[in-house]
C-alpha atoms as a PDB file:
ATOM      1  CA  UNK A   1     -13.756   1.324   6.549  1.00  0.00           C
ATOM      2  CA  UNK A   2      -9.749   1.769   6.749  1.00  0.00           C
ATOM      3  CA  UNK A   3      -7.431   3.153   3.726  1.00  0.00           C
ATOM      4  CA  UNK A   4      -4.118   2.073   4.458  1.00  0.00           C
ATOM      5  CA  UNK A   5      -0.973   2.878   1.804  1.00  0.00           C
ATOM      6  CA  UNK A   6       2.399   1.425   2.101  1.00  0.00           C
ATOM      7  CA  UNK A   7       5.140   2.748   0.648  1.00  0.00           C
ATOM      8  CA  UNK A   8       9.245   2.837   1.219  1.00  0.00           C
ATOM      9  CA  UNK A   9      12.519   2.141  -0.595  1.00  0.00           C
ATOM     10  CA  UNK A  10      12.826  -0.690  -2.808  1.00  0.00           C
ATOM     11  CA  UNK A  11      13.831  -3.997  -0.842  1.00  0.00           C
ATOM     12  CA  UNK A  12      12.485  -2.575   2.258  1.00  0.00           C
ATOM     13  CA  UNK A  13       9.908  -5.759   2.716  1.00  0.00           C
ATOM     14  CA  UNK A  14       6.652  -3.248   2.137  1.00  0.00           C
ATOM     15  CA  UNK A  15       5.348  -5.852   0.243  1.00  0.00           C
ATOM     16  CA  UNK A  16       5.234  -8.452   3.180  1.00  0.00           C
ATOM     17  CA  UNK A  17       3.737  -5.783   5.462  1.00  0.00           C
ATOM     18  CA  UNK A  18       1.418  -4.694   2.778  1.00  0.00           C
ATOM     19  CA  UNK A  19       0.557  -8.606   2.441  1.00  0.00           C
ATOM     20  CA  UNK A  20      -0.064  -8.847   6.104  1.00  0.00           C
ATOM     21  CA  UNK A  21      -2.510  -6.378   6.854  1.00  0.00           C
ATOM     22  CA  UNK A  22      -4.624  -6.933   4.021  1.00  0.00           C
ATOM     23  CA  UNK A  23      -4.496 -10.744   5.127  1.00  0.00           C
ATOM     24  CA  UNK A  24      -5.507  -9.258   9.059  1.00  0.00           C
ATOM     25  CA  UNK A  25      -8.450  -7.510   7.962  1.00  0.00           C
ATOM     26  CA  UNK A  26      -9.614 -10.281   5.985  1.00  0.00           C
ATOM     27  CA  UNK A  27      -9.129 -12.715   8.953  1.00  0.00           C
ATOM     28  CA  UNK A  28     -10.981 -10.296  10.781  1.00  0.00           C
ATOM     29  CA  UNK A  29     -14.016 -10.672   8.672  1.00  0.00           C
ATOM     30  CA  UNK A  30     -13.777  -7.150   6.744  1.00  0.00           C
ATOM     31  CA  UNK A  31     -14.045  -7.375   2.811  1.00  0.00           C
ATOM     32  CA  UNK A  32     -10.518  -6.049   1.802  1.00  0.00           C
ATOM     33  CA  UNK A  33      -9.212  -5.080  -1.661  1.00  0.00           C
ATOM     34  CA  UNK A  34      -5.377  -5.043  -1.708  1.00  0.00           C
ATOM     35  CA  UNK A  35      -3.955  -3.334  -5.022  1.00  0.00           C
ATOM     36  CA  UNK A  36      -0.806  -3.995  -6.220  1.00  0.00           C
ATOM     37  CA  UNK A  37       0.991  -0.229  -7.671  1.00  0.00           C
ATOM     38  CA  UNK A  38       4.449  -1.238  -7.486  1.00  0.00           C
ATOM     39  CA  UNK A  39       6.873  -1.311 -10.540  1.00  0.00           C
ATOM     40  CA  UNK A  40       7.625  -4.875  -9.722  1.00  0.00           C
ATOM     41  CA  UNK A  41       4.319  -5.913  -8.655  1.00  0.00           C
ATOM     42  CA  UNK A  42       4.581  -9.245  -5.913  1.00  0.00           C
ATOM     43  CA  UNK A  43       1.605  -8.804  -4.090  1.00  0.00           C
ATOM     44  CA  UNK A  44      -0.380 -11.321  -5.345  1.00  0.00           C
ATOM     45  CA  UNK A  45       2.479 -13.767  -4.894  1.00  0.00           C
ATOM     46  CA  UNK A  46       2.338 -13.012  -0.994  1.00  0.00           C
ATOM     47  CA  UNK A  47      -1.014 -13.167  -1.387  1.00  0.00           C
ATOM     48  CA  UNK A  48      -1.145 -17.203  -2.186  1.00  0.00           C
ATOM     49  CA  UNK A  49      -1.342 -16.919  -5.972  1.00  0.00           C
ATOM     50  CA  UNK A  50       0.774 -19.266  -8.254  1.00  0.00           C
ATOM     51  CA  UNK A  51       3.494 -17.613 -10.258  1.00  0.00           C
ATOM     52  CA  UNK A  52       1.148 -18.509 -12.997  1.00  0.00           C
ATOM     53  CA  UNK A  53      -1.738 -17.002 -11.975  1.00  0.00           C
ATOM     54  CA  UNK A  54       0.190 -13.725 -10.843  1.00  0.00           C
ATOM     55  CA  UNK A  55       2.406 -13.795 -14.680  1.00  0.00           C
ATOM     56  CA  UNK A  56      -1.641 -13.792 -16.310  1.00  0.00           C
ATOM     57  CA  UNK A  57      -2.376 -10.568 -14.785  1.00  0.00           C
ATOM     58  CA  UNK A  58      -2.267  -7.460 -17.219  1.00  0.00           C
ATOM     59  CA  UNK A  59      -1.710  -4.285 -14.936  1.00  0.00           C
ATOM     60  CA  UNK A  60      -4.602  -2.348 -15.777  1.00  0.00           C
ATOM     61  CA  UNK A  61      -2.349   0.616 -16.693  1.00  0.00           C
ATOM     62  CA  UNK A  62      -1.062  -1.525 -19.602  1.00  0.00           C
ATOM     63  CA  UNK A  63      -4.834  -3.231 -20.513  1.00  0.00           C
ATOM     64  CA  UNK A  64      -5.189  -1.466 -24.020  1.00  0.00           C
ATOM     65  CA  UNK A  65      -8.401  -2.800 -24.738  1.00  0.00           C
ATOM     66  CA  UNK A  66      -9.817  -1.789 -21.395  1.00  0.00           C
ATOM     67  CA  UNK A  67      -8.123   1.858 -21.553  1.00  0.00           C
ATOM     68  CA  UNK A  68      -9.751   2.619 -25.052  1.00  0.00           C
ATOM     69  CA  UNK A  69     -12.907   0.993 -24.378  1.00  0.00           C
ATOM     70  CA  UNK A  70     -13.148   3.710 -21.302  1.00  0.00           C
ATOM     71  CA  UNK A  71     -11.691   6.719 -22.531  1.00  0.00           C
ATOM     72  CA  UNK A  72     -12.074   6.549 -26.459  1.00  0.00           C
ATOM     73  CA  UNK A  73     -10.200   7.169 -29.277  1.00  0.00           C
ATOM     74  CA  UNK A  74      -8.302  10.103 -29.073  1.00  0.00           C
ATOM     75  CA  UNK A  75      -8.956  12.720 -31.727  1.00  0.00           C
ATOM     76  CA  UNK A  76      -6.187  15.579 -31.269  1.00  0.00           C
ATOM     77  CA  UNK A  77      -4.712  14.870 -28.126  1.00  0.00           C
ATOM     78  CA  UNK A  78      -8.270  15.053 -26.654  1.00  0.00           C
ATOM     79  CA  UNK A  79      -9.814  12.106 -24.352  1.00  0.00           C
ATOM     80  CA  UNK A  80     -12.909  11.165 -22.438  1.00  0.00           C
ATOM     81  CA  UNK A  81     -11.690  11.752 -18.961  1.00  0.00           C
ATOM     82  CA  UNK A  82     -15.276  11.095 -17.235  1.00  0.00           C
ATOM     83  CA  UNK A  83     -15.905   7.881 -17.124  1.00  0.00           C
ATOM     84  CA  UNK A  84     -16.908   5.141 -14.594  1.00  0.00           C
ATOM     85  CA  UNK A  85     -14.613   2.736 -13.115  1.00  0.00           C
ATOM     86  CA  UNK A  86     -17.494   0.600 -10.997  1.00  0.00           C
ATOM     87  CA  UNK A  87     -17.298  -2.542 -13.431  1.00  0.00           C
ATOM     88  CA  UNK A  88     -13.520  -2.452 -13.150  1.00  0.00           C
ATOM     89  CA  UNK A  89     -13.422  -4.027  -9.362  1.00  0.00           C
ATOM     90  CA  UNK A  90     -15.955  -6.467 -10.142  1.00  0.00           C
ATOM     91  CA  UNK A  91     -14.255  -7.722 -13.650  1.00  0.00           C
ATOM     92  CA  UNK A  92     -10.422  -7.308 -12.934  1.00  0.00           C
ATOM     93  CA  UNK A  93      -9.937  -7.888  -9.097  1.00  0.00           C
ATOM     94  CA  UNK A  94      -8.737 -11.189  -8.555  1.00  0.00           C
ATOM     95  CA  UNK A  95      -9.640 -13.399  -5.350  1.00  0.00           C
ATOM     96  CA  UNK A  96      -6.623 -14.703  -3.671  1.00  0.00           C
ATOM     97  CA  UNK A  97      -6.196 -17.947  -0.972  1.00  0.00           C
ATOM     98  CA  UNK A  98      -5.739 -15.375   1.504  1.00  0.00           C
ATOM     99  CA  UNK A  99      -9.016 -14.293   1.161  1.00  0.00           C
ATOM    100  CA  UNK A 100      -8.471 -10.832  -0.398  1.00  0.00           C
ATOM    101  CA  UNK A 101      -9.650  -9.166  -3.331  1.00  0.00           C
ATOM    102  CA  UNK A 102      -6.464  -8.263  -5.679  1.00  0.00           C
ATOM    103  CA  UNK A 103      -5.736  -5.446  -8.118  1.00  0.00           C
ATOM    104  CA  UNK A 104      -2.880  -5.035 -10.273  1.00  0.00           C
ATOM    105  CA  UNK A 105      -2.797  -0.891 -11.203  1.00  0.00           C
ATOM    106  CA  UNK A 106       0.994  -1.239 -12.893  1.00  0.00           C
ATOM    107  CA  UNK A 107       2.787   2.715 -12.546  1.00  0.00           C
ATOM    108  CA  UNK A 108       1.919   6.133 -12.801  1.00  0.00           C
ATOM    109  CA  UNK A 109       4.572   7.839 -14.966  1.00  0.00           C
ATOM    110  CA  UNK A 110       3.696  11.509 -13.565  1.00  0.00           C
ATOM    111  CA  UNK A 111       2.463  13.039 -10.444  1.00  0.00           C
ATOM    112  CA  UNK A 112      -0.416  15.708 -10.115  1.00  0.00           C
ATOM    113  CA  UNK A 113      -3.705  15.626 -11.361  1.00  0.00           C
ATOM    114  CA  UNK A 114      -2.561  17.527 -15.193  1.00  0.00           C
ATOM    115  CA  UNK A 115      -1.531  14.196 -16.517  1.00  0.00           C
ATOM    116  CA  UNK A 116      -3.975  13.629 -19.347  1.00  0.00           C
ATOM    117  CA  UNK A 117      -2.095  10.422 -20.381  1.00  0.00           C
ATOM    118  CA  UNK A 118      -5.003   7.986 -20.452  1.00  0.00           C
ATOM    119  CA  UNK A 119      -3.915   5.001 -18.480  1.00  0.00           C
ATOM    120  CA  UNK A 120      -3.193   7.635 -15.531  1.00  0.00           C
ATOM    121  CA  UNK A 121      -6.277   8.714 -15.772  1.00  0.00           C
ATOM    122  CA  UNK A 122      -7.628   5.065 -15.497  1.00  0.00           C
ATOM    123  CA  UNK A 123      -5.717   4.514 -12.569  1.00  0.00           C
ATOM    124  CA  UNK A 124      -6.203   7.769 -10.337  1.00  0.00           C
ATOM    125  CA  UNK A 125      -9.834   7.837 -11.340  1.00  0.00           C
ATOM    126  CA  UNK A 126     -10.157   3.927 -10.041  1.00  0.00           C
ATOM    127  CA  UNK A 127      -7.957   4.871  -7.026  1.00  0.00           C
ATOM    128  CA  UNK A 128     -10.427   7.988  -6.575  1.00  0.00           C
ATOM    129  CA  UNK A 129     -13.452   5.350  -6.327  1.00  0.00           C
ATOM    130  CA  UNK A 130     -11.834   3.071  -4.120  1.00  0.00           C
ATOM    131  CA  UNK A 131     -10.732   4.899  -1.455  1.00  0.00           C
ATOM    132  CA  UNK A 132     -13.478   7.780  -1.310  1.00  0.00           C
ATOM    133  CA  UNK A 133     -16.854   5.860  -2.763  1.00  0.00           C
ATOM    134  CA  UNK A 134     -16.542   1.910  -1.421  1.00  0.00           C
ATOM    135  CA  UNK A 135     -16.831   0.625   2.155  1.00  0.00           C
ATOM    136  CA  UNK A 136     -14.300  -2.583   1.920  1.00  0.00           C
ATOM    137  CA  UNK A 137     -10.732  -1.852   3.781  1.00  0.00           C
ATOM    138  CA  UNK A 138      -7.968  -1.161   1.246  1.00  0.00           C
ATOM    139  CA  UNK A 139      -4.544  -1.666   1.387  1.00  0.00           C
ATOM    140  CA  UNK A 140      -2.704   0.127  -1.528  1.00  0.00           C
ATOM    141  CA  UNK A 141       1.051  -1.474  -1.910  1.00  0.00           C
ATOM    142  CA  UNK A 142       3.156   1.307  -3.936  1.00  0.00           C
ATOM    143  CA  UNK A 143       6.261   1.965  -5.091  1.00  0.00           C
ATOM    144  CA  UNK A 144       8.867   4.686  -3.227  1.00  0.00           C
ATOM    145  CA  UNK A 145       6.688   7.709  -3.258  1.00  0.00           C
ATOM    146  CA  UNK A 146       3.046   9.207  -3.188  1.00  0.00           C
ATOM    147  CA  UNK A 147       2.680   9.353  -7.240  1.00  0.00           C
ATOM    148  CA  UNK A 148      -0.376   7.364  -7.552  1.00  0.00           C
ATOM    149  CA  UNK A 149      -2.270   9.664  -4.776  1.00  0.00           C
ATOM    150  CA  UNK A 150      -3.684  12.638  -6.734  1.00  0.00           C
ATOM    151  CA  UNK A 151      -6.088  15.738  -5.599  1.00  0.00           C
ATOM    152  CA  UNK A 152      -9.247  13.955  -3.926  1.00  0.00           C
ATOM    153  CA  UNK A 153      -7.359  10.753  -3.209  1.00  0.00           C
ATOM    154  CA  UNK A 154      -4.520  11.835  -0.668  1.00  0.00           C
ATOM    155  CA  UNK A 155      -7.051  12.897   1.773  1.00  0.00           C
ATOM    156  CA  UNK A 156      -9.158   9.897   1.620  1.00  0.00           C
ATOM    157  CA  UNK A 157      -6.011   7.801   2.873  1.00  0.00           C
ATOM    158  CA  UNK A 158      -6.377   7.139   6.416  1.00  0.00           C
ATOM    159  CA  UNK A 159      -2.816   6.324   6.851  1.00  0.00           C
ATOM    160  CA  UNK A 160       0.616   6.439   4.807  1.00  0.00           C
ATOM    161  CA  UNK A 161       2.554   3.745   6.257  1.00  0.00           C
ATOM    162  CA  UNK A 162       6.266   3.921   5.409  1.00  0.00           C
ATOM    163  CA  UNK A 163       8.514   1.298   5.727  1.00  0.00           C
ATOM    164  CA  UNK A 164      12.071   1.124   6.796  1.00  0.00           C
ATOM    165  CA  UNK A 165      15.148  -1.265   7.668  1.00  0.00           C
ATOM    166  CA  UNK A 166      18.023   0.022  10.285  1.00  0.00           C
ATOM    167  CA  UNK A 167      19.797   1.244   6.744  1.00  0.00           C
ATOM    168  CA  UNK A 168      20.949   4.335   6.276  1.00  0.00           C
ATOM    169  CA  UNK A 169      19.895   4.579   2.993  1.00  0.00           C
ATOM    170  CA  UNK A 170      16.207   3.115   3.638  1.00  0.00           C
ATOM    171  CA  UNK A 171      16.174   5.602   6.160  1.00  0.00           C
ATOM    172  CA  UNK A 172      16.957   8.474   4.045  1.00  0.00           C
ATOM    173  CA  UNK A 173      14.580   7.481   1.580  1.00  0.00           C
ATOM    174  CA  UNK A 174      11.581   7.501   4.254  1.00  0.00           C
ATOM    175  CA  UNK A 175      12.503  10.590   5.198  1.00  0.00           C
ATOM    176  CA  UNK A 176      11.781  11.769   1.709  1.00  0.00           C
ATOM    177  CA  UNK A 177       8.965   9.873   1.141  1.00  0.00           C
ATOM    178  CA  UNK A 178       7.372  11.545   4.321  1.00  0.00           C
ATOM    179  CA  UNK A 179       8.085  14.980   3.370  1.00  0.00           C
ATOM    180  CA  UNK A 180       6.627  13.956   0.029  1.00  0.00           C
ATOM    181  CA  UNK A 181       3.382  12.739   1.579  1.00  0.00           C
ATOM    182  CA  UNK A 182       2.896  15.894   4.209  1.00  0.00           C
ATOM    183  CA  UNK A 183       3.017  18.003   1.085  1.00  0.00           C
ATOM    184  CA  UNK A 184       0.203  15.667  -0.797  1.00  0.00           C
ATOM    185  CA  UNK A 185      -1.643  16.429   1.998  1.00  0.00           C
ATOM    186  CA  UNK A 186      -2.123  12.751   3.738  1.00  0.00           C
ATOM    187  CA  UNK A 187      -3.118  13.480   6.955  1.00  0.00           C
ATOM    188  CA  UNK A 188      -1.376  10.298   8.878  1.00  0.00           C
ATOM    189  CA  UNK A 189       2.110   9.254   8.086  1.00  0.00           C
ATOM    190  CA  UNK A 190       3.661   6.702  10.560  1.00  0.00           C
ATOM    191  CA  UNK A 191       6.937   4.828  10.131  1.00  0.00           C
ATOM    192  CA  UNK A 192       7.017   0.783  10.453  1.00  0.00           C
ATOM    193  CA  UNK A 193      10.680  -0.858  11.402  1.00  0.00           C
ATOM    194  CA  UNK A 194      11.103  -4.153   9.166  1.00  0.00           C
ATOM    195  CA  UNK A 195      13.771  -6.933   9.297  1.00  0.00           C
ATOM    196  CA  UNK A 196      14.981  -5.349  12.685  1.00  0.00           C
ATOM    197  CA  UNK A 197      18.047  -7.069  14.399  1.00  0.00           C
ATOM    198  CA  UNK A 198      18.037  -6.181  18.529  1.00  0.00           C
ATOM    199  CA  UNK A 199      17.581  -3.144  20.789  1.00  0.00           C
ATOM    200  CA  UNK A 200      20.051  -1.137  19.295  1.00  0.00           C
ATOM    201  CA  UNK A 201      18.609  -1.197  15.311  1.00  0.00           C
ATOM    202  CA  UNK A 202      15.041  -0.558  17.415  1.00  0.00           C
ATOM    203  CA  UNK A 203      16.438   2.637  19.123  1.00  0.00           C
ATOM    204  CA  UNK A 204      18.319   4.007  15.940  1.00  0.00           C
ATOM    205  CA  UNK A 205      14.827   3.642  13.859  1.00  0.00           C
ATOM    206  CA  UNK A 206      13.066   5.017  16.836  1.00  0.00           C
ATOM    207  CA  UNK A 207      15.732   8.066  17.439  1.00  0.00           C
ATOM    208  CA  UNK A 208      15.196   8.826  14.005  1.00  0.00           C
ATOM    209  CA  UNK A 209      11.562   8.939  13.539  1.00  0.00           C
ATOM    210  CA  UNK A 210      11.382  10.889  17.251  1.00  0.00           C
ATOM    211  CA  UNK A 211      13.804  13.394  15.900  1.00  0.00           C
ATOM    212  CA  UNK A 212      11.858  14.008  12.862  1.00  0.00           C
ATOM    213  CA  UNK A 213       8.535  13.900  14.918  1.00  0.00           C
ATOM    214  CA  UNK A 214       7.239  11.131  12.852  1.00  0.00           C
ATOM    215  CA  UNK A 215       4.587   8.567  14.697  1.00  0.00           C
ATOM    216  CA  UNK A 216       6.399   4.622  14.959  1.00  0.00           C
ATOM    217  CA  UNK A 217       3.554   2.206  14.586  1.00  0.00           C
ATOM    218  CA  UNK A 218       5.550  -0.687  15.199  1.00  0.00           C
ATOM    219  CA  UNK A 219       8.607  -2.942  14.420  1.00  0.00           C
ATOM    220  CA  UNK A 220       8.737  -6.355  12.425  1.00  0.00           C
ATOM    221  CA  UNK A 221      11.695  -8.452  13.774  1.00  0.00           C
ATOM    222  CA  UNK A 222      14.201 -10.074  11.255  1.00  0.00           C
ATOM    223  CA  UNK A 223      12.818 -13.416  10.693  1.00  0.00           C
ATOM    224  CA  UNK A 224      14.133 -16.160   8.613  1.00  0.00           C
ATOM    225  CA  UNK A 225      10.876 -17.644   7.801  1.00  0.00           C
ATOM    226  CA  UNK A 226      10.393 -14.832   5.845  1.00  0.00           C
ATOM    227  CA  UNK A 227      13.672 -15.241   3.952  1.00  0.00           C
ATOM    228  CA  UNK A 228      12.966 -18.821   3.516  1.00  0.00           C
ATOM    229  CA  UNK A 229       9.438 -18.294   1.905  1.00  0.00           C
ATOM    230  CA  UNK A 230      11.234 -15.620  -0.317  1.00  0.00           C
ATOM    231  CA  UNK A 231      13.156 -18.108  -1.791  1.00  0.00           C
ATOM    232  CA  UNK A 232      10.328 -20.714  -1.862  1.00  0.00           C
ATOM    233  CA  UNK A 233       7.925 -17.918  -3.293  1.00  0.00           C
ATOM    234  CA  UNK A 234       5.440 -19.000  -0.172  1.00  0.00           C
ATOM    235  CA  UNK A 235       3.030 -16.336   0.751  1.00  0.00           C
ATOM    236  CA  UNK A 236       1.519 -15.091   4.182  1.00  0.00           C
ATOM    237  CA  UNK A 237      -0.507 -18.252   4.501  1.00  0.00           C
ATOM    238  CA  UNK A 238       2.738 -20.103   5.239  1.00  0.00           C
ATOM    239  CA  UNK A 239       4.001 -17.597   7.658  1.00  0.00           C
ATOM    240  CA  UNK A 240       1.291 -17.687  10.188  1.00  0.00           C
ATOM    241  CA  UNK A 241       2.613 -18.755  13.114  1.00  0.00           C
ATOM    242  CA  UNK A 242       5.957 -16.849  12.276  1.00  0.00           C
ATOM    243  CA  UNK A 243       7.488 -13.691  14.377  1.00  0.00           C
ATOM    244  CA  UNK A 244       7.221 -11.216  11.675  1.00  0.00           C
ATOM    245  CA  UNK A 245       3.542 -12.000  11.049  1.00  0.00           C
ATOM    246  CA  UNK A 246       2.512 -11.811  14.318  1.00  0.00           C
ATOM    247  CA  UNK A 247       4.369  -8.197  14.373  1.00  0.00           C
ATOM    248  CA  UNK A 248       2.259  -7.295  11.290  1.00  0.00           C
ATOM    249  CA  UNK A 249      -1.141  -8.327  13.408  1.00  0.00           C
ATOM    250  CA  UNK A 250      -0.045  -6.346  16.435  1.00  0.00           C
ATOM    251  CA  UNK A 251       0.417  -3.288  13.967  1.00  0.00           C
ATOM    252  CA  UNK A 252      -2.963  -3.960  12.390  1.00  0.00           C
ATOM    253  CA  UNK A 253      -4.549  -3.906  15.808  1.00  0.00           C
ATOM    254  CA  UNK A 254      -3.157  -0.755  16.567  1.00  0.00           C
ATOM    255  CA  UNK A 255      -4.105   1.111  13.764  1.00  0.00           C
ATOM    256  CA  UNK A 256      -7.717   1.895  15.105  1.00  0.00           C
ATOM    257  CA  UNK A 257      -6.135   3.476  18.142  1.00  0.00           C
ATOM    258  CA  UNK A 258      -4.085   5.685  15.887  1.00  0.00           C
ATOM    259  CA  UNK A 259      -6.388   6.988  13.673  1.00  0.00           C
ATOM    260  CA  UNK A 260      -9.251   9.710  15.025  1.00  0.00           C
ATOM    261  CA  UNK A 261     -11.932  10.520  12.489  1.00  0.00           C
ATOM    262  CA  UNK A 262     -13.845  13.489  14.116  1.00  0.00           C
ATOM    263  CA  UNK A 263     -15.889  16.068  11.647  1.00  0.00           C
ATOM    264  CA  UNK A 264     -14.207  14.320   8.378  1.00  0.00           C
ATOM    265  CA  UNK A 265     -10.693  14.622   9.622  1.00  0.00           C
ATOM    266  CA  UNK A 266      -8.360  12.193  10.433  1.00  0.00           C
ATOM    267  CA  UNK A 267      -5.537  13.057  13.195  1.00  0.00           C
ATOM    268  CA  UNK A 268      -2.676  10.885  14.925  1.00  0.00           C
ATOM    269  CA  UNK A 269      -2.797   9.193  18.403  1.00  0.00           C
ATOM    270  CA  UNK A 270      -0.063   8.727  20.600  1.00  0.00           C
ATOM    271  CA  UNK A 271       3.069   8.501  18.928  1.00  0.00           C
ATOM    272  CA  UNK A 272       4.560   4.567  18.931  1.00  0.00           C
ATOM    273  CA  UNK A 273       1.884   2.705  19.556  1.00  0.00           C
ATOM    274  CA  UNK A 274       3.920  -0.238  19.446  1.00  0.00           C
ATOM    275  CA  UNK A 275       7.887  -0.627  21.067  1.00  0.00           C
END
């Protein structure tokens, strides 16, 4: 089942796209887990949780009792890092009104497999389990980077989707993230343009992507209903008929055509799956 990581500079709208992709997967009948790994978690709200429900969730990286249960009490800085995480999905995922199971991870403070922080070990072990050992579709809403994806996880991501607007700062950040993703061994990295107004902005993003040999999955237009939903705190369920959600649905439909699995390897299909 497809595993998608969504990232981008803060404020580009990646949570909307992550929620839209997860909702599209769930609507197609696929069991779907959405993981909120953003330092400012809002994925639950986008999937239809109330503010009270979202505020009541303790991120796994901050759940002290769970961390101590799994890793034990430290003695001279030594922790148990060999523990099962299968029960965490069962006990801590929350079914959202969008039909997607939600896990809120919290942040990881250091990249690489050598970190011995117990909270980070819990998060990384769980991510590895979700990406490599379970059959559900997974959509991971990340911060602006690849820090959550350690060894044994990055190469199990089918697609890292880097979201950008036409803003030069967002595009610059996208370039940095793409470089980090390729260095981390993620096999397929693509670009998604969000809040795109007209052909000029579309061509700007497409031209930058072509220059840097990054495939473009699609473009989400600037959509007033999305801005209004942000003000009212509404979810993707209120945006079902919006141009933005229609564009995200087309991106979701294009992913199987751009992810080809052959003998355990992934390779990109034709560049520019959507115009």
